[in-house]
């Protein structure tokens, strides 16, 4: 449950970030707009890691660290989606 809880807590915002990035990419917006969900997720993960490491500590703090790690994984997936160049069909 130590990994399952943070993972399941990160799945919903992670899927939301991934779908939002895919939608921005589909609408062919600028790269800054496409990277916005990724950057906000990295900032949120950093804040959660700080809260878990400095403020809470112990096993509860480790759970916050795992949540931050899983959010970083979704942010990396979002980064890959945002920076992927579109294929041109001929």
PDB file of N, CA and C in Angstrom:
ATOM      1  N   UNK A   1       0.814  -1.183   0.000  1.00  0.00           N
ATOM      2  CA  UNK A   1       0.000   0.000   0.000  1.00  0.00           C
ATOM      3  C   UNK A   1       0.862   1.252   0.000  1.00  0.00           C
ATOM      4  N   UNK A   2       2.122   1.093   0.366  1.00  0.00           N
ATOM      5  CA  UNK A   2       3.022   2.253   0.406  1.00  0.00           C
ATOM      6  C   UNK A   2       3.237   2.828  -0.986  1.00  0.00           C
ATOM      7  N   UNK A   3       3.266   1.993  -1.999  1.00  0.00           N
ATOM      8  CA  UNK A   3       3.417   2.478  -3.372  1.00  0.00           C
ATOM      9  C   UNK A   3       2.077   2.582  -4.086  1.00  0.00           C
ATOM     10  N   UNK A   4       1.135   1.757  -3.717  1.00  0.00           N
ATOM     11  CA  UNK A   4      -0.157   1.733  -4.405  1.00  0.00           C
ATOM     12  C   UNK A   4      -0.975   2.989  -4.191  1.00  0.00           C
ATOM     13  N   UNK A   5      -0.991   3.498  -2.971  1.00  0.00           N
ATOM     14  CA  UNK A   5      -1.755   4.708  -2.677  1.00  0.00           C
ATOM     15  C   UNK A   5      -1.263   5.920  -3.453  1.00  0.00           C
ATOM     16  N   UNK A   6       0.044   6.237  -3.375  1.00  0.00           N
ATOM     17  CA  UNK A   6       0.538   7.380  -4.150  1.00  0.00           C
ATOM     18  C   UNK A   6       0.398   7.186  -5.660  1.00  0.00           C
ATOM     19  N   UNK A   7       0.567   5.942  -6.120  1.00  0.00           N
ATOM     20  CA  UNK A   7       0.424   5.705  -7.557  1.00  0.00           C
ATOM     21  C   UNK A   7      -1.009   5.975  -8.012  1.00  0.00           C
ATOM     22  N   UNK A   8      -1.964   5.441  -7.270  1.00  0.00           N
ATOM     23  CA  UNK A   8      -3.364   5.659  -7.641  1.00  0.00           C
ATOM     24  C   UNK A   8      -3.764   7.121  -7.480  1.00  0.00           C
ATOM     25  N   UNK A   9      -3.151   7.816  -6.531  1.00  0.00           N
ATOM     26  CA  UNK A   9      -3.417   9.244  -6.380  1.00  0.00           C
ATOM     27  C   UNK A   9      -2.819  10.061  -7.516  1.00  0.00           C
ATOM     28  N   UNK A  10      -1.752   9.565  -8.114  1.00  0.00           N
ATOM     29  CA  UNK A  10      -1.101  10.282  -9.210  1.00  0.00           C
ATOM     30  C   UNK A  10      -1.694   9.936 -10.568  1.00  0.00           C
ATOM     31  N   UNK A  11      -2.449   8.854 -10.654  1.00  0.00           N
ATOM     32  CA  UNK A  11      -2.983   8.431 -11.947  1.00  0.00           C
ATOM     33  C   UNK A  11      -3.999   9.437 -12.492  1.00  0.00           C
ATOM     34  N   UNK A  12      -4.898   9.919 -11.662  1.00  0.00           N
ATOM     35  CA  UNK A  12      -5.946  10.824 -12.151  1.00  0.00           C
ATOM     36  C   UNK A  12      -5.365  12.145 -12.646  1.00  0.00           C
ATOM     37  N   UNK A  13      -4.540  12.862 -11.854  1.00  0.00           N
ATOM     38  CA  UNK A  13      -3.962  14.082 -12.423  1.00  0.00           C
ATOM     39  C   UNK A  13      -2.997  13.790 -13.570  1.00  0.00           C
ATOM     40  N   UNK A  14      -2.321  12.647 -13.527  1.00  0.00           N
ATOM     41  CA  UNK A  14      -1.407  12.296 -14.608  1.00  0.00           C
ATOM     42  C   UNK A  14      -2.126  12.070 -15.927  1.00  0.00           C
ATOM     43  N   UNK A  15      -3.233  11.373 -15.876  1.00  0.00           N
ATOM     44  CA  UNK A  15      -4.022  11.156 -17.094  1.00  0.00           C
ATOM     45  C   UNK A  15      -4.597  12.478 -17.586  1.00  0.00           C
ATOM     46  N   UNK A  16      -5.025  13.329 -16.659  1.00  0.00           N
ATOM     47  CA  UNK A  16      -5.547  14.640 -17.035  1.00  0.00           C
ATOM     48  C   UNK A  16      -4.470  15.477 -17.728  1.00  0.00           C
ATOM     49  N   UNK A  17      -3.263  15.473 -17.200  1.00  0.00           N
ATOM     50  CA  UNK A  17      -2.153  16.221 -17.807  1.00  0.00           C
ATOM     51  C   UNK A  17      -1.815  15.658 -19.173  1.00  0.00           C
ATOM     52  N   UNK A  18      -1.792  14.354 -19.294  1.00  0.00           N
ATOM     53  CA  UNK A  18      -1.464  13.722 -20.574  1.00  0.00           C
ATOM     54  C   UNK A  18      -2.525  14.035 -21.631  1.00  0.00           C
ATOM     55  N   UNK A  19      -3.785  13.940 -21.268  1.00  0.00           N
ATOM     56  CA  UNK A  19      -4.861  14.237 -22.226  1.00  0.00           C
ATOM     57  C   UNK A  19      -4.857  15.710 -22.601  1.00  0.00           C
ATOM     58  N   UNK A  20      -4.604  16.589 -21.644  1.00  0.00           N
ATOM     59  CA  UNK A  20      -4.551  18.022 -21.929  1.00  0.00           C
ATOM     60  C   UNK A  20      -3.399  18.357 -22.874  1.00  0.00           C
ATOM     61  N   UNK A  21      -2.252  17.745 -22.662  1.00  0.00           N
ATOM     62  CA  UNK A  21      -1.113  17.965 -23.551  1.00  0.00           C
ATOM     63  C   UNK A  21      -1.404  17.435 -24.948  1.00  0.00           C
ATOM     64  N   UNK A  22      -2.021  16.265 -25.031  1.00  0.00           N
ATOM     65  CA  UNK A  22      -2.374  15.701 -26.339  1.00  0.00           C
ATOM     66  C   UNK A  22      -3.365  16.603 -27.063  1.00  0.00           C
ATOM     67  N   UNK A  23      -4.332  17.170 -26.329  1.00  0.00           N
ATOM     68  CA  UNK A  23      -5.326  18.061 -26.930  1.00  0.00           C
ATOM     69  C   UNK A  23      -4.674  19.344 -27.437  1.00  0.00           C
ATOM     70  N   UNK A  24      -3.726  19.899 -26.641  1.00  0.00           N
ATOM     71  CA  UNK A  24      -3.010  21.097 -27.085  1.00  0.00           C
ATOM     72  C   UNK A  24      -2.183  20.797 -28.334  1.00  0.00           C
ATOM     73  N   UNK A  25      -1.605  19.609 -28.381  1.00  0.00           N
ATOM     74  CA  UNK A  25      -0.812  19.231 -29.550  1.00  0.00           C
ATOM     75  C   UNK A  25      -1.700  19.053 -30.773  1.00  0.00           C
ATOM     76  N   UNK A  26      -2.878  18.484 -30.580  1.00  0.00           N
ATOM     77  CA  UNK A  26      -3.810  18.263 -31.677  1.00  0.00           C
ATOM     78  C   UNK A  26      -4.316  19.589 -32.242  1.00  0.00           C
ATOM     79  N   UNK A  27      -4.476  20.593 -31.382  1.00  0.00           N
ATOM     80  CA  UNK A  27      -4.924  21.907 -31.830  1.00  0.00           C
ATOM     81  C   UNK A  27      -3.792  22.729 -32.448  1.00  0.00           C
ATOM     82  N   UNK A  28      -2.581  22.182 -32.452  1.00  0.00           N
ATOM     83  CA  UNK A  28      -1.387  22.806 -33.033  1.00  0.00           C
ATOM     84  C   UNK A  28      -1.117  24.184 -32.434  1.00  0.00           C
ATOM     85  N   UNK A  29      -1.138  24.268 -31.112  1.00  0.00           N
ATOM     86  CA  UNK A  29      -0.806  25.502 -30.412  1.00  0.00           C
ATOM     87  C   UNK A  29       0.705  25.634 -30.303  1.00  0.00           C
ATOM     88  N   UNK A  30       1.168  26.747 -29.781  1.00  0.00           N
ATOM     89  CA  UNK A  30       2.609  26.967 -29.668  1.00  0.00           C
ATOM     90  C   UNK A  30       3.225  25.996 -28.660  1.00  0.00           C
ATOM     91  N   UNK A  31       4.533  25.866 -28.738  1.00  0.00           N
ATOM     92  CA  UNK A  31       5.235  24.916 -27.874  1.00  0.00           C
ATOM     93  C   UNK A  31       5.130  25.322 -26.406  1.00  0.00           C
ATOM     94  N   UNK A  32       5.051  26.614 -26.128  1.00  0.00           N
ATOM     95  CA  UNK A  32       4.918  27.064 -24.741  1.00  0.00           C
ATOM     96  C   UNK A  32       3.599  26.614 -24.130  1.00  0.00           C
ATOM     97  N   UNK A  33       2.545  26.674 -24.896  1.00  0.00           N
ATOM     98  CA  UNK A  33       1.237  26.236 -24.397  1.00  0.00           C
ATOM     99  C   UNK A  33       1.234  24.720 -24.232  1.00  0.00           C
ATOM    100  N   UNK A  34       1.881  24.016 -25.152  1.00  0.00           N
ATOM    101  CA  UNK A  34       1.923  22.551 -25.053  1.00  0.00           C
ATOM    102  C   UNK A  34       2.743  22.088 -23.854  1.00  0.00           C
ATOM    103  N   UNK A  35       3.753  22.858 -23.471  1.00  0.00           N
ATOM    104  CA  UNK A  35       4.601  22.473 -22.346  1.00  0.00           C
ATOM    105  C   UNK A  35       4.050  22.925 -20.994  1.00  0.00           C
ATOM    106  N   UNK A  36       3.024  23.751 -20.994  1.00  0.00           N
ATOM    107  CA  UNK A  36       2.474  24.275 -19.750  1.00  0.00           C
ATOM    108  C   UNK A  36       2.007  23.181 -18.780  1.00  0.00           C
ATOM    109  N   UNK A  37       1.239  22.159 -19.213  1.00  0.00           N
ATOM    110  CA  UNK A  37       0.854  21.103 -18.253  1.00  0.00           C
ATOM    111  C   UNK A  37       2.059  20.349 -17.685  1.00  0.00           C
ATOM    112  N   UNK A  38       3.061  20.145 -18.504  1.00  0.00           N
ATOM    113  CA  UNK A  38       4.267  19.444 -18.048  1.00  0.00           C
ATOM    114  C   UNK A  38       4.987  20.258 -16.973  1.00  0.00           C
ATOM    115  N   UNK A  39       5.159  21.538 -17.214  1.00  0.00           N
ATOM    116  CA  UNK A  39       5.858  22.400 -16.266  1.00  0.00           C
ATOM    117  C   UNK A  39       5.087  22.516 -14.958  1.00  0.00           C
ATOM    118  N   UNK A  40       3.786  22.672 -15.044  1.00  0.00           N
ATOM    119  CA  UNK A  40       2.984  22.768 -13.824  1.00  0.00           C
ATOM    120  C   UNK A  40       3.015  21.472 -13.025  1.00  0.00           C
ATOM    121  N   UNK A  41       3.075  20.343 -13.701  1.00  0.00           N
ATOM    122  CA  UNK A  41       3.165  19.063 -13.005  1.00  0.00           C
ATOM    123  C   UNK A  41       4.514  18.910 -12.310  1.00  0.00           C
ATOM    124  N   UNK A  42       5.584  19.362 -12.957  1.00  0.00           N
ATOM    125  CA  UNK A  42       6.910  19.302 -12.333  1.00  0.00           C
ATOM    126  C   UNK A  42       6.958  20.201 -11.103  1.00  0.00           C
ATOM    127  N   UNK A  43       6.356  21.384 -11.191  1.00  0.00           N
ATOM    128  CA  UNK A  43       6.319  22.288 -10.032  1.00  0.00           C
ATOM    129  C   UNK A  43       5.519  21.659  -8.893  1.00  0.00           C
ATOM    130  N   UNK A  44       4.379  21.072  -9.209  1.00  0.00           N
ATOM    131  CA  UNK A  44       3.564  20.418  -8.180  1.00  0.00           C
ATOM    132  C   UNK A  44       4.318  19.253  -7.546  1.00  0.00           C
ATOM    133  N   UNK A  45       5.042  18.488  -8.359  1.00  0.00           N
ATOM    134  CA  UNK A  45       5.822  17.373  -7.817  1.00  0.00           C
ATOM    135  C   UNK A  45       6.937  17.884  -6.913  1.00  0.00           C
ATOM    136  N   UNK A  46       7.565  18.978  -7.285  1.00  0.00           N
ATOM    137  CA  UNK A  46       8.608  19.566  -6.443  1.00  0.00           C
ATOM    138  C   UNK A  46       8.068  20.043  -5.107  1.00  0.00           C
ATOM    139  N   UNK A  47       6.916  20.676  -5.131  1.00  0.00           N
ATOM    140  CA  UNK A  47       6.296  21.140  -3.891  1.00  0.00           C
ATOM    141  C   UNK A  47       5.908  19.954  -3.011  1.00  0.00           C
ATOM    142  N   UNK A  48       5.337  18.925  -3.609  1.00  0.00           N
ATOM    143  CA  UNK A  48       4.961  17.740  -2.832  1.00  0.00           C
ATOM    144  C   UNK A  48       6.180  17.046  -2.231  1.00  0.00           C
ATOM    145  N   UNK A  49       7.267  16.978  -2.996  1.00  0.00           N
ATOM    146  CA  UNK A  49       8.487  16.358  -2.470  1.00  0.00           C
ATOM    147  C   UNK A  49       9.038  17.181  -1.307  1.00  0.00           C
ATOM    148  N   UNK A  50       9.030  18.503  -1.458  1.00  0.00           N
ATOM    149  CA  UNK A  50       9.511  19.367  -0.378  1.00  0.00           C
ATOM    150  C   UNK A  50       8.671  19.194   0.886  1.00  0.00           C
ATOM    151  N   UNK A  51       7.354  19.179   0.717  1.00  0.00           N
ATOM    152  CA  UNK A  51       6.472  19.005   1.874  1.00  0.00           C
ATOM    153  C   UNK A  51       6.733  17.658   2.552  1.00  0.00           C
ATOM    154  N   UNK A  52       6.889  16.608   1.746  1.00  0.00           N
ATOM    155  CA  UNK A  52       7.123  15.283   2.319  1.00  0.00           C
ATOM    156  C   UNK A  52       8.477  15.133   2.968  1.00  0.00           C
ATOM    157  N   UNK A  53       9.496  15.773   2.394  1.00  0.00           N
ATOM    158  CA  UNK A  53      10.862  15.592   2.886  1.00  0.00           C
ATOM    159  C   UNK A  53      11.169  16.502   4.071  1.00  0.00           C
ATOM    160  N   UNK A  54      10.717  17.749   4.015  1.00  0.00           N
ATOM    161  CA  UNK A  54      11.089  18.719   5.033  1.00  0.00           C
ATOM    162  C   UNK A  54      10.036  18.833   6.134  1.00  0.00           C
ATOM    163  N   UNK A  55       8.778  18.909   5.759  1.00  0.00           N
ATOM    164  CA  UNK A  55       7.729  19.189   6.740  1.00  0.00           C
ATOM    165  C   UNK A  55       7.222  17.933   7.449  1.00  0.00           C
ATOM    166  N   UNK A  56       6.908  16.893   6.705  1.00  0.00           N
ATOM    167  CA  UNK A  56       6.219  15.746   7.299  1.00  0.00           C
ATOM    168  C   UNK A  56       7.193  14.682   7.799  1.00  0.00           C
ATOM    169  N   UNK A  57       8.134  14.275   6.966  1.00  0.00           N
ATOM    170  CA  UNK A  57       9.142  13.256   7.285  1.00  0.00           C
ATOM    171  C   UNK A  57       8.516  11.881   7.553  1.00  0.00           C
ATOM    172  N   UNK A  58       9.341  10.911   7.780  1.00  0.00           N
ATOM    173  CA  UNK A  58       8.876   9.574   8.115  1.00  0.00           C
ATOM    174  C   UNK A  58       8.191   8.863   6.955  1.00  0.00           C
ATOM    175  N   UNK A  59       7.359   7.896   7.287  1.00  0.00           N
ATOM    176  CA  UNK A  59       6.695   7.099   6.265  1.00  0.00           C
ATOM    177  C   UNK A  59       5.661   7.915   5.495  1.00  0.00           C
ATOM    178  N   UNK A  60       4.989   8.821   6.159  1.00  0.00           N
ATOM    179  CA  UNK A  60       4.041   9.676   5.447  1.00  0.00           C
ATOM    180  C   UNK A  60       4.765  10.574   4.457  1.00  0.00           C
ATOM    181  N   UNK A  61       5.903  11.087   4.853  1.00  0.00           N
ATOM    182  CA  UNK A  61       6.706  11.910   3.954  1.00  0.00           C
ATOM    183  C   UNK A  61       7.218  11.114   2.771  1.00  0.00           C
ATOM    184  N   UNK A  62       7.529   9.845   3.004  1.00  0.00           N
ATOM    185  CA  UNK A  62       7.963   8.983   1.901  1.00  0.00           C
ATOM    186  C   UNK A  62       6.829   8.780   0.906  1.00  0.00           C
ATOM    187  N   UNK A  63       5.604   8.693   1.401  1.00  0.00           N
ATOM    188  CA  UNK A  63       4.458   8.560   0.504  1.00  0.00           C
ATOM    189  C   UNK A  63       4.325   9.800  -0.377  1.00  0.00           C
ATOM    190  N   UNK A  64       4.569  10.980   0.188  1.00  0.00           N
ATOM    191  CA  UNK A  64       4.564  12.196  -0.614  1.00  0.00           C
ATOM    192  C   UNK A  64       5.684  12.162  -1.656  1.00  0.00           C
ATOM    193  N   UNK A  65       6.825  11.619  -1.280  1.00  0.00           N
ATOM    194  CA  UNK A  65       7.935  11.482  -2.233  1.00  0.00           C
ATOM    195  C   UNK A  65       7.587  10.548  -3.375  1.00  0.00           C
ATOM    196  N   UNK A  66       6.935   9.439  -3.063  1.00  0.00           N
ATOM    197  CA  UNK A  66       6.509   8.522  -4.126  1.00  0.00           C
ATOM    198  C   UNK A  66       5.475   9.173  -5.036  1.00  0.00           C
ATOM    199  N   UNK A  67       4.557   9.940  -4.450  1.00  0.00           N
ATOM    200  CA  UNK A  67       3.564  10.664  -5.250  1.00  0.00           C
ATOM    201  C   UNK A  67       4.254  11.644  -6.182  1.00  0.00           C
ATOM    202  N   UNK A  68       5.261  12.350  -5.683  1.00  0.00           N
ATOM    203  CA  UNK A  68       6.011  13.288  -6.521  1.00  0.00           C
ATOM    204  C   UNK A  68       6.738  12.547  -7.640  1.00  0.00           C
ATOM    205  N   UNK A  69       7.294  11.375  -7.342  1.00  0.00           N
ATOM    206  CA  UNK A  69       7.984  10.598  -8.373  1.00  0.00           C
ATOM    207  C   UNK A  69       7.026  10.175  -9.482  1.00  0.00           C
ATOM    208  N   UNK A  70       5.854   9.679  -9.108  1.00  0.00           N
ATOM    209  CA  UNK A  70       4.892   9.236 -10.125  1.00  0.00           C
ATOM    210  C   UNK A  70       4.372  10.419 -10.934  1.00  0.00           C
ATOM    211  N   UNK A  71       4.215  11.586 -10.304  1.00  0.00           N
ATOM    212  CA  UNK A  71       3.822  12.770 -11.066  1.00  0.00           C
ATOM    213  C   UNK A  71       4.919  13.179 -12.046  1.00  0.00           C
ATOM    214  N   UNK A  72       6.167  13.014 -11.653  1.00  0.00           N
ATOM    215  CA  UNK A  72       7.280  13.310 -12.574  1.00  0.00           C
ATOM    216  C   UNK A  72       7.273  12.365 -13.767  1.00  0.00           C
ATOM    217  N   UNK A  73       6.891  11.124 -13.554  1.00  0.00           N
ATOM    218  CA  UNK A  73       6.794  10.178 -14.673  1.00  0.00           C
ATOM    219  C   UNK A  73       5.735  10.651 -15.663  1.00  0.00           C
ATOM    220  N   UNK A  74       4.582  11.081 -15.157  1.00  0.00           N
ATOM    221  CA  UNK A  74       3.532  11.587 -16.046  1.00  0.00           C
ATOM    222  C   UNK A  74       3.959  12.892 -16.713  1.00  0.00           C
ATOM    223  N   UNK A  75       4.732  13.718 -16.014  1.00  0.00           N
ATOM    224  CA  UNK A  75       5.231  14.958 -16.624  1.00  0.00           C
ATOM    225  C   UNK A  75       6.200  14.642 -17.755  1.00  0.00           C
ATOM    226  N   UNK A  76       7.019  13.602 -17.594  1.00  0.00           N
ATOM    227  CA  UNK A  76       7.942  13.204 -18.656  1.00  0.00           C
ATOM    228  C   UNK A  76       7.177  12.685 -19.877  1.00  0.00           C
ATOM    229  N   UNK A  77       6.132  11.913 -19.638  1.00  0.00           N
ATOM    230  CA  UNK A  77       5.292  11.432 -20.749  1.00  0.00           C
ATOM    231  C   UNK A  77       4.651  12.620 -21.461  1.00  0.00           C
ATOM    232  N   UNK A  78       4.197  13.592 -20.693  1.00  0.00           N
ATOM    233  CA  UNK A  78       3.604  14.797 -21.264  1.00  0.00           C
ATOM    234  C   UNK A  78       4.636  15.580 -22.074  1.00  0.00           C
ATOM    235  N   UNK A  79       5.861  15.628 -21.588  1.00  0.00           N
ATOM    236  CA  UNK A  79       6.938  16.298 -22.325  1.00  0.00           C
ATOM    237  C   UNK A  79       7.198  15.617 -23.663  1.00  0.00           C
ATOM    238  N   UNK A  80       7.208  14.299 -23.663  1.00  0.00           N
ATOM    239  CA  UNK A  80       7.410  13.566 -24.913  1.00  0.00           C
ATOM    240  C   UNK A  80       6.281  13.825 -25.899  1.00  0.00           C
ATOM    241  N   UNK A  81       5.052  13.885 -25.411  1.00  0.00           N
ATOM    242  CA  UNK A  81       3.914  14.149 -26.293  1.00  0.00           C
ATOM    243  C   UNK A  81       3.996  15.567 -26.847  1.00  0.00           C
ATOM    244  N   UNK A  82       4.380  16.531 -26.014  1.00  0.00           N
ATOM    245  CA  UNK A  82       4.402  17.929 -26.435  1.00  0.00           C
ATOM    246  C   UNK A  82       5.506  18.212 -27.446  1.00  0.00           C
ATOM    247  N   UNK A  83       6.656  17.557 -27.300  1.00  0.00           N
ATOM    248  CA  UNK A  83       7.784  17.869 -28.178  1.00  0.00           C
ATOM    249  C   UNK A  83       7.877  16.943 -29.383  1.00  0.00           C
ATOM    250  N   UNK A  84       7.004  15.970 -29.464  1.00  0.00           N
ATOM    251  CA  UNK A  84       7.025  15.044 -30.610  1.00  0.00           C
ATOM    252  C   UNK A  84       6.610  15.800 -31.856  1.00  0.00           C
ATOM    253  N   UNK A  85       7.424  15.686 -32.898  1.00  0.00           N
ATOM    254  CA  UNK A  85       7.107  16.395 -34.138  1.00  0.00           C
ATOM    255  C   UNK A  85       6.019  15.634 -34.902  1.00  0.00           C
ATOM    256  N   UNK A  86       5.068  16.366 -35.479  1.00  0.00           N
ATOM    257  CA  UNK A  86       3.977  15.689 -36.204  1.00  0.00           C
ATOM    258  C   UNK A  86       4.494  15.058 -37.488  1.00  0.00           C
ATOM    259  N   UNK A  87       3.950  13.909 -37.804  1.00  0.00           N
ATOM    260  CA  UNK A  87       4.327  13.220 -39.045  1.00  0.00           C
ATOM    261  C   UNK A  87       3.512  13.783 -40.188  1.00  0.00           C
ATOM    262  N   UNK A  88       4.168  13.948 -41.318  1.00  0.00           N
ATOM    263  CA  UNK A  88       3.506  14.468 -42.500  1.00  0.00           C
ATOM    264  C   UNK A  88       3.169  13.291 -43.398  1.00  0.00           C
ATOM    265  N   UNK A  89       1.894  13.113 -43.677  1.00  0.00           N
ATOM    266  CA  UNK A  89       1.460  12.026 -44.563  1.00  0.00           C
ATOM    267  C   UNK A  89       1.486  12.501 -45.998  1.00  0.00           C
ATOM    268  N   UNK A  90       2.117  11.710 -46.839  1.00  0.00           N
ATOM    269  CA  UNK A  90       2.176  12.066 -48.269  1.00  0.00           C
ATOM    270  C   UNK A  90       1.490  11.008 -49.078  1.00  0.00           C
TER     271      UNK A  90
END
